[in-house]
Amino acid sequence: MDLQKLLHEDMQKAFSQYPTIWGLKRPDKNIDHRRVPNLRTYFKRRGYSVGVSQNPEDYLPGDIVTCKVGGNRPHIMIVSDKKTAAGVPLVIHNIGRGAKEESRLFSFPITGHYQIKAE
């Protein structure tokens, strides 16, 4: 799945459906795929959105989770296939110190939960 290409193509078709936070007049294939609000919109438009919950069993390996860190900064994580001793899935993310696999699934307010379907 070439997410950069797919998101750019969708933004070209439906630019008005995407956030206008950055004041752009058209899609920018160099950065759009790195902006969490754009990814959330793309995942919702593709039907990948599933319910947000506080139940660790609802989060499967490979799921994508978006959240807010540091107050209101959007962040994205991938659910790992590893779990804590309590059964909570670890997540893979980069919060500024390089990619890490950590027990942080419920550390931040979750804003979205997505399961990518094979196409």
PDB file of N, CA and C in Angstrom:
ATOM      1  N   MET A   1       0.856  -1.174   0.000  1.00  0.00           N
ATOM      2  CA  MET A   1       0.000   0.000   0.000  1.00  0.00           C
ATOM      3  C   MET A   1       0.900   1.234   0.000  1.00  0.00           C
ATOM      4  N   ASP A   2       0.821   2.031  -1.026  1.00  0.00           N
ATOM      5  CA  ASP A   2       1.589   3.265  -1.101  1.00  0.00           C
ATOM      6  C   ASP A   2       0.686   4.394  -0.582  1.00  0.00           C
ATOM      7  N   LEU A   3       0.754   4.596   0.721  1.00  0.00           N
ATOM      8  CA  LEU A   3      -0.139   5.554   1.376  1.00  0.00           C
ATOM      9  C   LEU A   3       0.078   6.972   0.858  1.00  0.00           C
ATOM     10  N   GLN A   4       1.309   7.332   0.575  1.00  0.00           N
ATOM     11  CA  GLN A   4       1.582   8.663   0.046  1.00  0.00           C
ATOM     12  C   GLN A   4       0.822   8.889  -1.261  1.00  0.00           C
ATOM     13  N   LYS A   5       0.896   7.922  -2.153  1.00  0.00           N
ATOM     14  CA  LYS A   5       0.225   8.024  -3.453  1.00  0.00           C
ATOM     15  C   LYS A   5      -1.297   7.999  -3.303  1.00  0.00           C
ATOM     16  N   LEU A   6      -1.796   7.061  -2.518  1.00  0.00           N
ATOM     17  CA  LEU A   6      -3.246   6.919  -2.355  1.00  0.00           C
ATOM     18  C   LEU A   6      -3.872   8.152  -1.710  1.00  0.00           C
ATOM     19  N   LEU A   7      -3.233   8.676  -0.685  1.00  0.00           N
ATOM     20  CA  LEU A   7      -3.772   9.859  -0.021  1.00  0.00           C
ATOM     21  C   LEU A   7      -3.729  11.057  -0.971  1.00  0.00           C
ATOM     22  N   HIS A   8      -2.639  11.209  -1.700  1.00  0.00           N
ATOM     23  CA  HIS A   8      -2.534  12.329  -2.646  1.00  0.00           C
ATOM     24  C   HIS A   8      -3.630  12.248  -3.709  1.00  0.00           C
ATOM     25  N   GLU A   9      -3.853  11.070  -4.249  1.00  0.00           N
ATOM     26  CA  GLU A   9      -4.893  10.900  -5.266  1.00  0.00           C
ATOM     27  C   GLU A   9      -6.274  11.225  -4.701  1.00  0.00           C
ATOM     28  N   ASP A  10      -6.527  10.799  -3.464  1.00  0.00           N
ATOM     29  CA  ASP A  10      -7.825  11.097  -2.854  1.00  0.00           C
ATOM     30  C   ASP A  10      -7.969  12.589  -2.582  1.00  0.00           C
ATOM     31  N   MET A  11      -6.890  13.220  -2.155  1.00  0.00           N
ATOM     32  CA  MET A  11      -6.957  14.665  -1.919  1.00  0.00           C
ATOM     33  C   MET A  11      -7.181  15.431  -3.220  1.00  0.00           C
ATOM     34  N   GLN A  12      -6.647  14.934  -4.319  1.00  0.00           N
ATOM     35  CA  GLN A  12      -6.886  15.587  -5.612  1.00  0.00           C
ATOM     36  C   GLN A  12      -8.362  15.505  -5.990  1.00  0.00           C
ATOM     37  N   LYS A  13      -9.002  14.380  -5.655  1.00  0.00           N
ATOM     38  CA  LYS A  13     -10.419  14.182  -5.990  1.00  0.00           C
ATOM     39  C   LYS A  13     -11.345  14.939  -5.055  1.00  0.00           C
ATOM     40  N   ALA A  14     -10.967  15.034  -3.786  1.00  0.00           N
ATOM     41  CA  ALA A  14     -11.889  15.564  -2.776  1.00  0.00           C
ATOM     42  C   ALA A  14     -11.181  16.518  -1.816  1.00  0.00           C
ATOM     43  N   PHE A  15     -10.433  17.461  -2.367  1.00  0.00           N
ATOM     44  CA  PHE A  15      -9.639  18.360  -1.540  1.00  0.00           C
ATOM     45  C   PHE A  15     -10.477  19.073  -0.484  1.00  0.00           C
ATOM     46  N   SER A  16     -11.686  19.439  -0.819  1.00  0.00           N
ATOM     47  CA  SER A  16     -12.530  20.184   0.126  1.00  0.00           C
ATOM     48  C   SER A  16     -12.943  19.346   1.336  1.00  0.00           C
ATOM     49  N   GLN A  17     -12.787  18.050   1.273  1.00  0.00           N
ATOM     50  CA  GLN A  17     -13.141  17.172   2.388  1.00  0.00           C
ATOM     51  C   GLN A  17     -12.026  17.080   3.439  1.00  0.00           C
ATOM     52  N   TYR A  18     -10.869  17.595   3.106  1.00  0.00           N
ATOM     53  CA  TYR A  18      -9.699  17.495   3.977  1.00  0.00           C
ATOM     54  C   TYR A  18      -9.529  18.756   4.820  1.00  0.00           C
ATOM     55  N   PRO A  19      -8.848  18.641   5.963  1.00  0.00           N
ATOM     56  CA  PRO A  19      -8.643  19.807   6.830  1.00  0.00           C
ATOM     57  C   PRO A  19      -7.941  20.952   6.108  1.00  0.00           C
ATOM     58  N   THR A  20      -8.287  22.165   6.506  1.00  0.00           N
ATOM     59  CA  THR A  20      -7.699  23.362   5.901  1.00  0.00           C
ATOM     60  C   THR A  20      -6.745  24.058   6.874  1.00  0.00           C
ATOM     61  N   ILE A  21      -6.258  23.327   7.821  1.00  0.00           N
ATOM     62  CA  ILE A  21      -5.413  23.857   8.894  1.00  0.00           C
ATOM     63  C   ILE A  21      -4.197  24.613   8.367  1.00  0.00           C
ATOM     64  N   TRP A  22      -3.632  24.157   7.256  1.00  0.00           N
ATOM     65  CA  TRP A  22      -2.365  24.694   6.771  1.00  0.00           C
ATOM     66  C   TRP A  22      -2.539  25.764   5.703  1.00  0.00           C
ATOM     67  N   GLY A  23      -3.760  26.109   5.350  1.00  0.00           N
ATOM     68  CA  GLY A  23      -4.004  27.169   4.387  1.00  0.00           C
ATOM     69  C   GLY A  23      -3.594  26.861   2.959  1.00  0.00           C
ATOM     70  N   LEU A  24      -3.518  25.594   2.621  1.00  0.00           N
ATOM     71  CA  LEU A  24      -3.128  25.211   1.264  1.00  0.00           C
ATOM     72  C   LEU A  24      -4.289  25.397   0.290  1.00  0.00           C
ATOM     73  N   LYS A  25      -3.961  25.639  -0.949  1.00  0.00           N
ATOM     74  CA  LYS A  25      -4.971  25.792  -2.006  1.00  0.00           C
ATOM     75  C   LYS A  25      -5.120  24.523  -2.828  1.00  0.00           C
ATOM     76  N   ARG A  26      -4.146  23.592  -2.661  1.00  0.00           N
ATOM     77  CA  ARG A  26      -4.177  22.326  -3.387  1.00  0.00           C
ATOM     78  C   ARG A  26      -3.333  21.309  -2.619  1.00  0.00           C
ATOM     79  N   PRO A  27      -3.478  20.042  -2.939  1.00  0.00           N
ATOM     80  CA  PRO A  27      -2.697  19.014  -2.243  1.00  0.00           C
ATOM     81  C   PRO A  27      -1.192  19.193  -2.457  1.00  0.00           C
ATOM     82  N   ASP A  28      -0.430  18.742  -1.475  1.00  0.00           N
ATOM     83  CA  ASP A  28       1.030  18.763  -1.552  1.00  0.00           C
ATOM     84  C   ASP A  28       1.519  17.343  -1.291  1.00  0.00           C
ATOM     85  N   LYS A  29       1.860  16.628  -2.366  1.00  0.00           N
ATOM     86  CA  LYS A  29       2.213  15.214  -2.247  1.00  0.00           C
ATOM     87  C   LYS A  29       3.459  14.977  -1.400  1.00  0.00           C
ATOM     88  N   ASN A  30       4.220  16.017  -1.128  1.00  0.00           N
ATOM     89  CA  ASN A  30       5.442  15.867  -0.349  1.00  0.00           C
ATOM     90  C   ASN A  30       5.206  15.825   1.156  1.00  0.00           C
ATOM     91  N   ILE A  31       4.072  16.329   1.631  1.00  0.00           N
ATOM     92  CA  ILE A  31       3.856  16.426   3.071  1.00  0.00           C
ATOM     93  C   ILE A  31       2.494  15.908   3.526  1.00  0.00           C
ATOM     94  N   ASP A  32       1.499  15.919   2.663  1.00  0.00           N
ATOM     95  CA  ASP A  32       0.132  15.594   3.087  1.00  0.00           C
ATOM     96  C   ASP A  32       0.019  14.264   3.825  1.00  0.00           C
ATOM     97  N   HIS A  33       0.754  13.259   3.404  1.00  0.00           N
ATOM     98  CA  HIS A  33       0.680  11.929   4.010  1.00  0.00           C
ATOM     99  C   HIS A  33       1.342  11.869   5.387  1.00  0.00           C
ATOM    100  N   ARG A  34       2.031  12.916   5.772  1.00  0.00           N
ATOM    101  CA  ARG A  34       2.688  12.958   7.080  1.00  0.00           C
ATOM    102  C   ARG A  34       1.869  13.737   8.103  1.00  0.00           C
ATOM    103  N   ARG A  35       0.748  14.260   7.705  1.00  0.00           N
ATOM    104  CA  ARG A  35      -0.094  15.062   8.600  1.00  0.00           C
ATOM    105  C   ARG A  35      -1.238  14.191   9.123  1.00  0.00           C
ATOM    106  N   VAL A  36      -1.242  14.008  10.423  1.00  0.00           N
ATOM    107  CA  VAL A  36      -2.215  13.111  11.052  1.00  0.00           C
ATOM    108  C   VAL A  36      -3.659  13.496  10.731  1.00  0.00           C
ATOM    109  N   PRO A  37      -4.052  14.778  10.760  1.00  0.00           N
ATOM    110  CA  PRO A  37      -5.439  15.092  10.398  1.00  0.00           C
ATOM    111  C   PRO A  37      -5.808  14.639   8.979  1.00  0.00           C
ATOM    112  N   ASN A  38      -4.872  14.722   8.047  1.00  0.00           N
ATOM    113  CA  ASN A  38      -5.137  14.233   6.689  1.00  0.00           C
ATOM    114  C   ASN A  38      -5.298  12.720   6.682  1.00  0.00           C
ATOM    115  N   LEU A  39      -4.434  12.027   7.412  1.00  0.00           N
ATOM    116  CA  LEU A  39      -4.533  10.566   7.485  1.00  0.00           C
ATOM    117  C   LEU A  39      -5.860  10.149   8.097  1.00  0.00           C
ATOM    118  N   ARG A  40      -6.286  10.821   9.144  1.00  0.00           N
ATOM    119  CA  ARG A  40      -7.580  10.503   9.770  1.00  0.00           C
ATOM    120  C   ARG A  40      -8.710  10.650   8.751  1.00  0.00           C
ATOM    121  N   THR A  41      -8.673  11.733   7.994  1.00  0.00           N
ATOM    122  CA  THR A  41      -9.710  11.960   6.981  1.00  0.00           C
ATOM    123  C   THR A  41      -9.672  10.863   5.932  1.00  0.00           C
ATOM    124  N   TYR A  42      -8.483  10.531   5.451  1.00  0.00           N
ATOM    125  CA  TYR A  42      -8.365   9.480   4.438  1.00  0.00           C
ATOM    126  C   TYR A  42      -8.886   8.144   4.967  1.00  0.00           C
ATOM    127  N   PHE A  43      -8.475   7.765   6.168  1.00  0.00           N
ATOM    128  CA  PHE A  43      -8.919   6.490   6.739  1.00  0.00           C
ATOM    129  C   PHE A  43     -10.441   6.451   6.909  1.00  0.00           C
ATOM    130  N   LYS A  44     -11.033   7.548   7.347  1.00  0.00           N
ATOM    131  CA  LYS A  44     -12.501   7.605   7.475  1.00  0.00           C
ATOM    132  C   LYS A  44     -13.165   7.476   6.107  1.00  0.00           C
ATOM    133  N   ARG A  45     -12.647   8.213   5.121  1.00  0.00           N
ATOM    134  CA  ARG A  45     -13.234   8.167   3.779  1.00  0.00           C
ATOM    135  C   ARG A  45     -13.160   6.775   3.171  1.00  0.00           C
ATOM    136  N   ARG A  46     -12.138   6.011   3.508  1.00  0.00           N
ATOM    137  CA  ARG A  46     -11.970   4.649   2.989  1.00  0.00           C
ATOM    138  C   ARG A  46     -12.764   3.616   3.781  1.00  0.00           C
ATOM    139  N   GLY A  47     -13.401   4.027   4.869  1.00  0.00           N
ATOM    140  CA  GLY A  47     -14.199   3.098   5.672  1.00  0.00           C
ATOM    141  C   GLY A  47     -13.378   2.271   6.645  1.00  0.00           C
ATOM    142  N   TYR A  48     -12.197   2.742   7.005  1.00  0.00           N
ATOM    143  CA  TYR A  48     -11.322   1.997   7.905  1.00  0.00           C
ATOM    144  C   TYR A  48     -11.582   2.292   9.378  1.00  0.00           C
ATOM    145  N   SER A  49     -12.422   3.263   9.662  1.00  0.00           N
ATOM    146  CA  SER A  49     -12.656   3.686  11.040  1.00  0.00           C
ATOM    147  C   SER A  49     -13.451   2.630  11.807  1.00  0.00           C
ATOM    148  N   VAL A  50     -12.975   2.307  12.985  1.00  0.00           N
ATOM    149  CA  VAL A  50     -13.690   1.421  13.905  1.00  0.00           C
ATOM    150  C   VAL A  50     -13.811   2.155  15.232  1.00  0.00           C
ATOM    151  N   GLY A  51     -14.623   1.656  16.113  1.00  0.00           N
ATOM    152  CA  GLY A  51     -14.884   2.354  17.364  1.00  0.00           C
ATOM    153  C   GLY A  51     -13.665   2.512  18.255  1.00  0.00           C
ATOM    154  N   VAL A  52     -13.601   3.656  18.907  1.00  0.00           N
ATOM    155  CA  VAL A  52     -12.591   3.909  19.930  1.00  0.00           C
ATOM    156  C   VAL A  52     -13.127   3.354  21.238  1.00  0.00           C
ATOM    157  N   SER A  53     -12.286   2.638  21.958  1.00  0.00           N
ATOM    158  CA  SER A  53     -12.700   2.113  23.252  1.00  0.00           C
ATOM    159  C   SER A  53     -11.514   2.093  24.198  1.00  0.00           C
ATOM    160  N   GLN A  54     -11.768   1.766  25.417  1.00  0.00           N
ATOM    161  CA  GLN A  54     -10.715   1.602  26.418  1.00  0.00           C
ATOM    162  C   GLN A  54     -10.467   0.128  26.692  1.00  0.00           C
ATOM    163  N   ASN A  55     -11.005  -0.735  25.834  1.00  0.00           N
ATOM    164  CA  ASN A  55     -10.840  -2.183  25.981  1.00  0.00           C
ATOM    165  C   ASN A  55      -9.637  -2.623  25.150  1.00  0.00           C
ATOM    166  N   PRO A  56      -8.577  -3.106  25.798  1.00  0.00           N
ATOM    167  CA  PRO A  56      -7.383  -3.503  25.050  1.00  0.00           C
ATOM    168  C   PRO A  56      -7.644  -4.583  24.007  1.00  0.00           C
ATOM    169  N   GLU A  57      -8.651  -5.413  24.225  1.00  0.00           N
ATOM    170  CA  GLU A  57      -8.955  -6.495  23.290  1.00  0.00           C
ATOM    171  C   GLU A  57      -9.475  -5.987  21.945  1.00  0.00           C
ATOM    172  N   ASP A  58      -9.938  -4.748  21.905  1.00  0.00           N
ATOM    173  CA  ASP A  58     -10.448  -4.170  20.661  1.00  0.00           C
ATOM    174  C   ASP A  58      -9.335  -3.740  19.700  1.00  0.00           C
ATOM    175  N   TYR A  59      -8.105  -3.701  20.190  1.00  0.00           N
ATOM    176  CA  TYR A  59      -6.976  -3.210  19.399  1.00  0.00           C
ATOM    177  C   TYR A  59      -6.132  -4.384  18.925  1.00  0.00           C
ATOM    178  N   LEU A  60      -6.104  -4.564  17.600  1.00  0.00           N
ATOM    179  CA  LEU A  60      -5.438  -5.706  16.988  1.00  0.00           C
ATOM    180  C   LEU A  60      -4.101  -5.297  16.371  1.00  0.00           C
ATOM    181  N   PRO A  61      -3.167  -6.247  16.252  1.00  0.00           N
ATOM    182  CA  PRO A  61      -1.892  -5.931  15.607  1.00  0.00           C
ATOM    183  C   PRO A  61      -2.112  -5.327  14.216  1.00  0.00           C
ATOM    184  N   GLY A  62      -1.413  -4.233  13.965  1.00  0.00           N
ATOM    185  CA  GLY A  62      -1.539  -3.547  12.685  1.00  0.00           C
ATOM    186  C   GLY A  62      -2.571  -2.433  12.674  1.00  0.00           C
ATOM    187  N   ASP A  63      -3.430  -2.379  13.691  1.00  0.00           N
ATOM    188  CA  ASP A  63      -4.393  -1.281  13.762  1.00  0.00           C
ATOM    189  C   ASP A  63      -3.644   0.042  13.882  1.00  0.00           C
ATOM    190  N   ILE A  64      -4.268   1.090  13.404  1.00  0.00           N
ATOM    191  CA  ILE A  64      -3.709   2.436  13.514  1.00  0.00           C
ATOM    192  C   ILE A  64      -4.547   3.207  14.515  1.00  0.00           C
ATOM    193  N   VAL A  65      -3.866   3.901  15.407  1.00  0.00           N
ATOM    194  CA  VAL A  65      -4.530   4.680  16.445  1.00  0.00           C
ATOM    195  C   VAL A  65      -4.010   6.109  16.368  1.00  0.00           C
ATOM    196  N   THR A  66      -4.937   7.072  16.377  1.00  0.00           N
ATOM    197  CA  THR A  66      -4.538   8.472  16.444  1.00  0.00           C
ATOM    198  C   THR A  66      -4.924   8.999  17.819  1.00  0.00           C
ATOM    199  N   CYS A  67      -4.172   9.991  18.264  1.00  0.00           N
ATOM    200  CA  CYS A  67      -4.407  10.537  19.597  1.00  0.00           C
ATOM    201  C   CYS A  67      -3.899  11.973  19.645  1.00  0.00           C
ATOM    202  N   LYS A  68      -4.058  12.589  20.803  1.00  0.00           N
ATOM    203  CA  LYS A  68      -3.543  13.935  21.052  1.00  0.00           C
ATOM    204  C   LYS A  68      -2.465  13.831  22.123  1.00  0.00           C
ATOM    205  N   VAL A  69      -1.324  14.440  21.866  1.00  0.00           N
ATOM    206  CA  VAL A  69      -0.242  14.478  22.848  1.00  0.00           C
ATOM    207  C   VAL A  69       0.076  15.934  23.177  1.00  0.00           C
ATOM    208  N   GLY A  70       0.632  16.145  24.342  1.00  0.00           N
ATOM    209  CA  GLY A  70       1.035  17.505  24.717  1.00  0.00           C
ATOM    210  C   GLY A  70      -0.092  18.505  24.639  1.00  0.00           C
ATOM    211  N   GLY A  71      -1.277  18.078  24.999  1.00  0.00           N
ATOM    212  CA  GLY A  71      -2.434  18.962  24.954  1.00  0.00           C
ATOM    213  C   GLY A  71      -3.269  18.751  23.705  1.00  0.00           C
ATOM    214  N   ASN A  72      -2.760  19.238  22.562  1.00  0.00           N
ATOM    215  CA  ASN A  72      -3.603  19.188  21.367  1.00  0.00           C
ATOM    216  C   ASN A  72      -2.838  18.819  20.102  1.00  0.00           C
ATOM    217  N   ARG A  73      -1.664  18.228  20.238  1.00  0.00           N
ATOM    218  CA  ARG A  73      -0.883  17.874  19.048  1.00  0.00           C
ATOM    219  C   ARG A  73      -1.291  16.492  18.551  1.00  0.00           C
ATOM    220  N   PRO A  74      -1.649  16.376  17.267  1.00  0.00           N
ATOM    221  CA  PRO A  74      -2.047  15.078  16.728  1.00  0.00           C
ATOM    222  C   PRO A  74      -0.852  14.130  16.632  1.00  0.00           C
ATOM    223  N   HIS A  75      -1.109  12.864  16.916  1.00  0.00           N
ATOM    224  CA  HIS A  75      -0.068  11.837  16.935  1.00  0.00           C
ATOM    225  C   HIS A  75      -0.663  10.551  16.370  1.00  0.00           C
ATOM    226  N   ILE A  76       0.185   9.671  15.863  1.00  0.00           N
ATOM    227  CA  ILE A  76      -0.284   8.420  15.271  1.00  0.00           C
ATOM    228  C   ILE A  76       0.592   7.275  15.751  1.00  0.00           C
ATOM    229  N   MET A  77      -0.038   6.101  15.941  1.00  0.00           N
ATOM    230  CA  MET A  77       0.665   4.924  16.442  1.00  0.00           C
ATOM    231  C   MET A  77       0.131   3.690  15.720  1.00  0.00           C
ATOM    232  N   ILE A  78       0.964   2.655  15.641  1.00  0.00           N
ATOM    233  CA  ILE A  78       0.547   1.374  15.087  1.00  0.00           C
ATOM    234  C   ILE A  78       0.538   0.368  16.221  1.00  0.00           C
ATOM    235  N   VAL A  79      -0.518  -0.417  16.327  1.00  0.00           N
ATOM    236  CA  VAL A  79      -0.618  -1.426  17.377  1.00  0.00           C
ATOM    237  C   VAL A  79       0.325  -2.584  17.054  1.00  0.00           C
ATOM    238  N   SER A  80       1.112  -2.964  18.032  1.00  0.00           N
ATOM    239  CA  SER A  80       2.080  -4.048  17.899  1.00  0.00           C
ATOM    240  C   SER A  80       1.412  -5.401  18.132  1.00  0.00           C
ATOM    241  N   ASP A  81       2.136  -6.467  17.800  1.00  0.00           N
ATOM    242  CA  ASP A  81       1.665  -7.814  18.104  1.00  0.00           C
ATOM    243  C   ASP A  81       2.119  -8.253  19.501  1.00  0.00           C
ATOM    244  N   LYS A  82       2.846  -7.395  20.194  1.00  0.00           N
ATOM    245  CA  LYS A  82       3.292  -7.693  21.556  1.00  0.00           C
ATOM    246  C   LYS A  82       2.387  -7.008  22.558  1.00  0.00           C
ATOM    247  N   LYS A  83       2.286  -7.597  23.755  1.00  0.00           N
ATOM    248  CA  LYS A  83       1.416  -7.062  24.805  1.00  0.00           C
ATOM    249  C   LYS A  83       2.154  -6.988  26.129  1.00  0.00           C
ATOM    250  N   THR A  84       1.626  -6.184  27.028  1.00  0.00           N
ATOM    251  CA  THR A  84       2.137  -6.126  28.390  1.00  0.00           C
ATOM    252  C   THR A  84       1.663  -7.374  29.129  1.00  0.00           C
ATOM    253  N   ALA A  85       2.176  -7.585  30.329  1.00  0.00           N
ATOM    254  CA  ALA A  85       1.749  -8.719  31.146  1.00  0.00           C
ATOM    255  C   ALA A  85       0.244  -8.649  31.441  1.00  0.00           C
ATOM    256  N   ALA A  86      -0.312  -7.444  31.441  1.00  0.00           N
ATOM    257  CA  ALA A  86      -1.747  -7.255  31.697  1.00  0.00           C
ATOM    258  C   ALA A  86      -2.588  -7.433  30.437  1.00  0.00           C
ATOM    259  N   GLY A  87      -1.934  -7.692  29.295  1.00  0.00           N
ATOM    260  CA  GLY A  87      -2.674  -7.932  28.056  1.00  0.00           C
ATOM    261  C   GLY A  87      -2.958  -6.695  27.226  1.00  0.00           C
ATOM    262  N   VAL A  88      -2.330  -5.576  27.549  1.00  0.00           N
ATOM    263  CA  VAL A  88      -2.526  -4.348  26.773  1.00  0.00           C
ATOM    264  C   VAL A  88      -1.501  -4.327  25.640  1.00  0.00           C
ATOM    265  N   PRO A  89      -1.969  -4.159  24.404  1.00  0.00           N
ATOM    266  CA  PRO A  89      -1.032  -4.130  23.275  1.00  0.00           C
ATOM    267  C   PRO A  89      -0.035  -2.976  23.376  1.00  0.00           C
ATOM    268  N   LEU A  90       1.181  -3.247  22.968  1.00  0.00           N
ATOM    269  CA  LEU A  90       2.170  -2.187  22.820  1.00  0.00           C
ATOM    270  C   LEU A  90       1.867  -1.441  21.529  1.00  0.00           C
ATOM    271  N   VAL A  91       2.446  -0.251  21.377  1.00  0.00           N
ATOM    272  CA  VAL A  91       2.300   0.507  20.135  1.00  0.00           C
ATOM    273  C   VAL A  91       3.684   0.863  19.607  1.00  0.00           C
ATOM    274  N   ILE A  92       3.749   1.058  18.310  1.00  0.00           N
ATOM    275  CA  ILE A  92       4.968   1.512  17.655  1.00  0.00           C
ATOM    276  C   ILE A  92       4.697   2.943  17.203  1.00  0.00           C
ATOM    277  N   HIS A  93       5.581   3.837  17.625  1.00  0.00           N
ATOM    278  CA  HIS A  93       5.387   5.243  17.271  1.00  0.00           C
ATOM    279  C   HIS A  93       6.712   5.985  17.398  1.00  0.00           C
ATOM    280  N   ASN A  94       6.705   7.211  16.906  1.00  0.00           N
ATOM    281  CA  ASN A  94       7.865   8.089  17.017  1.00  0.00           C
ATOM    282  C   ASN A  94       7.372   9.382  17.636  1.00  0.00           C
ATOM    283  N   ILE A  95       7.736   9.572  18.870  1.00  0.00           N
ATOM    284  CA  ILE A  95       7.293  10.772  19.577  1.00  0.00           C
ATOM    285  C   ILE A  95       8.459  11.736  19.777  1.00  0.00           C
ATOM    286  N   GLY A  96       9.417  11.672  18.841  1.00  0.00           N
ATOM    287  CA  GLY A  96      10.510  12.623  18.850  1.00  0.00           C
ATOM    288  C   GLY A  96      11.869  12.041  19.181  1.00  0.00           C
ATOM    289  N   ARG A  97      11.919  10.804  19.582  1.00  0.00           N
ATOM    290  CA  ARG A  97      13.203  10.186  19.925  1.00  0.00           C
ATOM    291  C   ARG A  97      13.451   8.951  19.076  1.00  0.00           C
ATOM    292  N   GLY A  98      12.876   8.921  17.884  1.00  0.00           N
ATOM    293  CA  GLY A  98      12.995   7.768  17.005  1.00  0.00           C
ATOM    294  C   GLY A  98      11.871   6.783  17.260  1.00  0.00           C
ATOM    295  N   ALA A  99      11.703   5.859  16.336  1.00  0.00           N
ATOM    296  CA  ALA A  99      10.628   4.867  16.460  1.00  0.00           C
ATOM    297  C   ALA A  99      10.888   3.965  17.663  1.00  0.00           C
ATOM    298  N   LYS A 100       9.834   3.759  18.456  1.00  0.00           N
ATOM    299  CA  LYS A 100       9.931   2.905  19.638  1.00  0.00           C
ATOM    300  C   LYS A 100       8.672   2.063  19.763  1.00  0.00           C
ATOM    301  N   GLU A 101       8.832   0.903  20.378  1.00  0.00           N
ATOM    302  CA  GLU A 101       7.709   0.039  20.720  1.00  0.00           C
ATOM    303  C   GLU A 101       7.528   0.159  22.229  1.00  0.00           C
ATOM    304  N   GLU A 102       6.370   0.689  22.630  1.00  0.00           N
ATOM    305  CA  GLU A 102       6.159   1.005  24.038  1.00  0.00           C
ATOM    306  C   GLU A 102       4.732   0.687  24.476  1.00  0.00           C
ATOM    307  N   SER A 103       4.549   0.645  25.768  1.00  0.00           N
ATOM    308  CA  SER A 103       3.221   0.490  26.352  1.00  0.00           C
ATOM    309  C   SER A 103       2.629   1.883  26.553  1.00  0.00           C
ATOM    310  N   ARG A 104       2.062   2.438  25.483  1.00  0.00           N
ATOM    311  CA  ARG A 104       1.517   3.799  25.542  1.00  0.00           C
ATOM    312  C   ARG A 104       0.115   3.898  24.924  1.00  0.00           C
ATOM    313  N   LEU A 105      -0.522   2.758  24.658  1.00  0.00           N
ATOM    314  CA  LEU A 105      -1.812   2.776  23.959  1.00  0.00           C
ATOM    315  C   LEU A 105      -2.812   3.724  24.610  1.00  0.00           C
ATOM    316  N   PHE A 106      -2.919   3.668  25.925  1.00  0.00           N
ATOM    317  CA  PHE A 106      -3.916   4.489  26.618  1.00  0.00           C
ATOM    318  C   PHE A 106      -3.285   5.665  27.359  1.00  0.00           C
ATOM    319  N   SER A 107      -2.064   6.050  26.975  1.00  0.00           N
ATOM    320  CA  SER A 107      -1.378   7.166  27.631  1.00  0.00           C
ATOM    321  C   SER A 107      -1.902   8.528  27.193  1.00  0.00           C
ATOM    322  N   PHE A 108      -2.534   8.577  26.021  1.00  0.00           N
ATOM    323  CA  PHE A 108      -2.993   9.834  25.447  1.00  0.00           C
ATOM    324  C   PHE A 108      -4.459   9.695  25.046  1.00  0.00           C
ATOM    325  N   PRO A 109      -5.203  10.807  24.977  1.00  0.00           N
ATOM    326  CA  PRO A 109      -6.598  10.736  24.521  1.00  0.00           C
ATOM    327  C   PRO A 109      -6.675  10.237  23.069  1.00  0.00           C
ATOM    328  N   ILE A 110      -7.348   9.127  22.867  1.00  0.00           N
ATOM    329  CA  ILE A 110      -7.471   8.530  21.534  1.00  0.00           C
ATOM    330  C   ILE A 110      -8.527   9.279  20.727  1.00  0.00           C
ATOM    331  N   THR A 111      -8.153   9.642  19.493  1.00  0.00           N
ATOM    332  CA  THR A 111      -9.067  10.374  18.614  1.00  0.00           C
ATOM    333  C   THR A 111      -9.547   9.540  17.431  1.00  0.00           C
ATOM    334  N   GLY A 112      -8.918   8.396  17.197  1.00  0.00           N
ATOM    335  CA  GLY A 112      -9.338   7.548  16.090  1.00  0.00           C
ATOM    336  C   GLY A 112      -8.715   6.171  16.186  1.00  0.00           C
ATOM    337  N   HIS A 113      -9.441   5.194  15.641  1.00  0.00           N
ATOM    338  CA  HIS A 113      -8.982   3.791  15.615  1.00  0.00           C
ATOM    339  C   HIS A 113      -9.355   3.253  14.253  1.00  0.00           C
ATOM    340  N   TYR A 114      -8.370   2.716  13.539  1.00  0.00           N
ATOM    341  CA  TYR A 114      -8.571   2.309  12.145  1.00  0.00           C
ATOM    342  C   TYR A 114      -7.994   0.927  11.903  1.00  0.00           C
ATOM    343  N   GLN A 115      -8.727   0.148  11.123  1.00  0.00           N
ATOM    344  CA  GLN A 115      -8.257  -1.158  10.676  1.00  0.00           C
ATOM    345  C   GLN A 115      -8.249  -1.132   9.158  1.00  0.00           C
ATOM    346  N   ILE A 116      -7.048  -1.275   8.597  1.00  0.00           N
ATOM    347  CA  ILE A 116      -6.882  -1.218   7.150  1.00  0.00           C
ATOM    348  C   ILE A 116      -7.299  -2.562   6.549  1.00  0.00           C
ATOM    349  N   LYS A 117      -8.183  -2.490   5.590  1.00  0.00           N
ATOM    350  CA  LYS A 117      -8.653  -3.694   4.893  1.00  0.00           C
ATOM    351  C   LYS A 117      -7.834  -3.878   3.619  1.00  0.00           C
ATOM    352  N   ALA A 118      -7.469  -5.097   3.331  1.00  0.00           N
ATOM    353  CA  ALA A 118      -6.733  -5.390   2.093  1.00  0.00           C
ATOM    354  C   ALA A 118      -7.617  -5.049   0.893  1.00  0.00           C
ATOM    355  N   GLU A 119      -7.017  -4.472  -0.107  1.00  0.00           N
ATOM    356  CA  GLU A 119      -7.797  -4.089  -1.304  1.00  0.00           C
ATOM    357  C   GLU A 119      -7.264  -4.793  -2.515  1.00  0.00           C
TER     358      GLU A 119
END
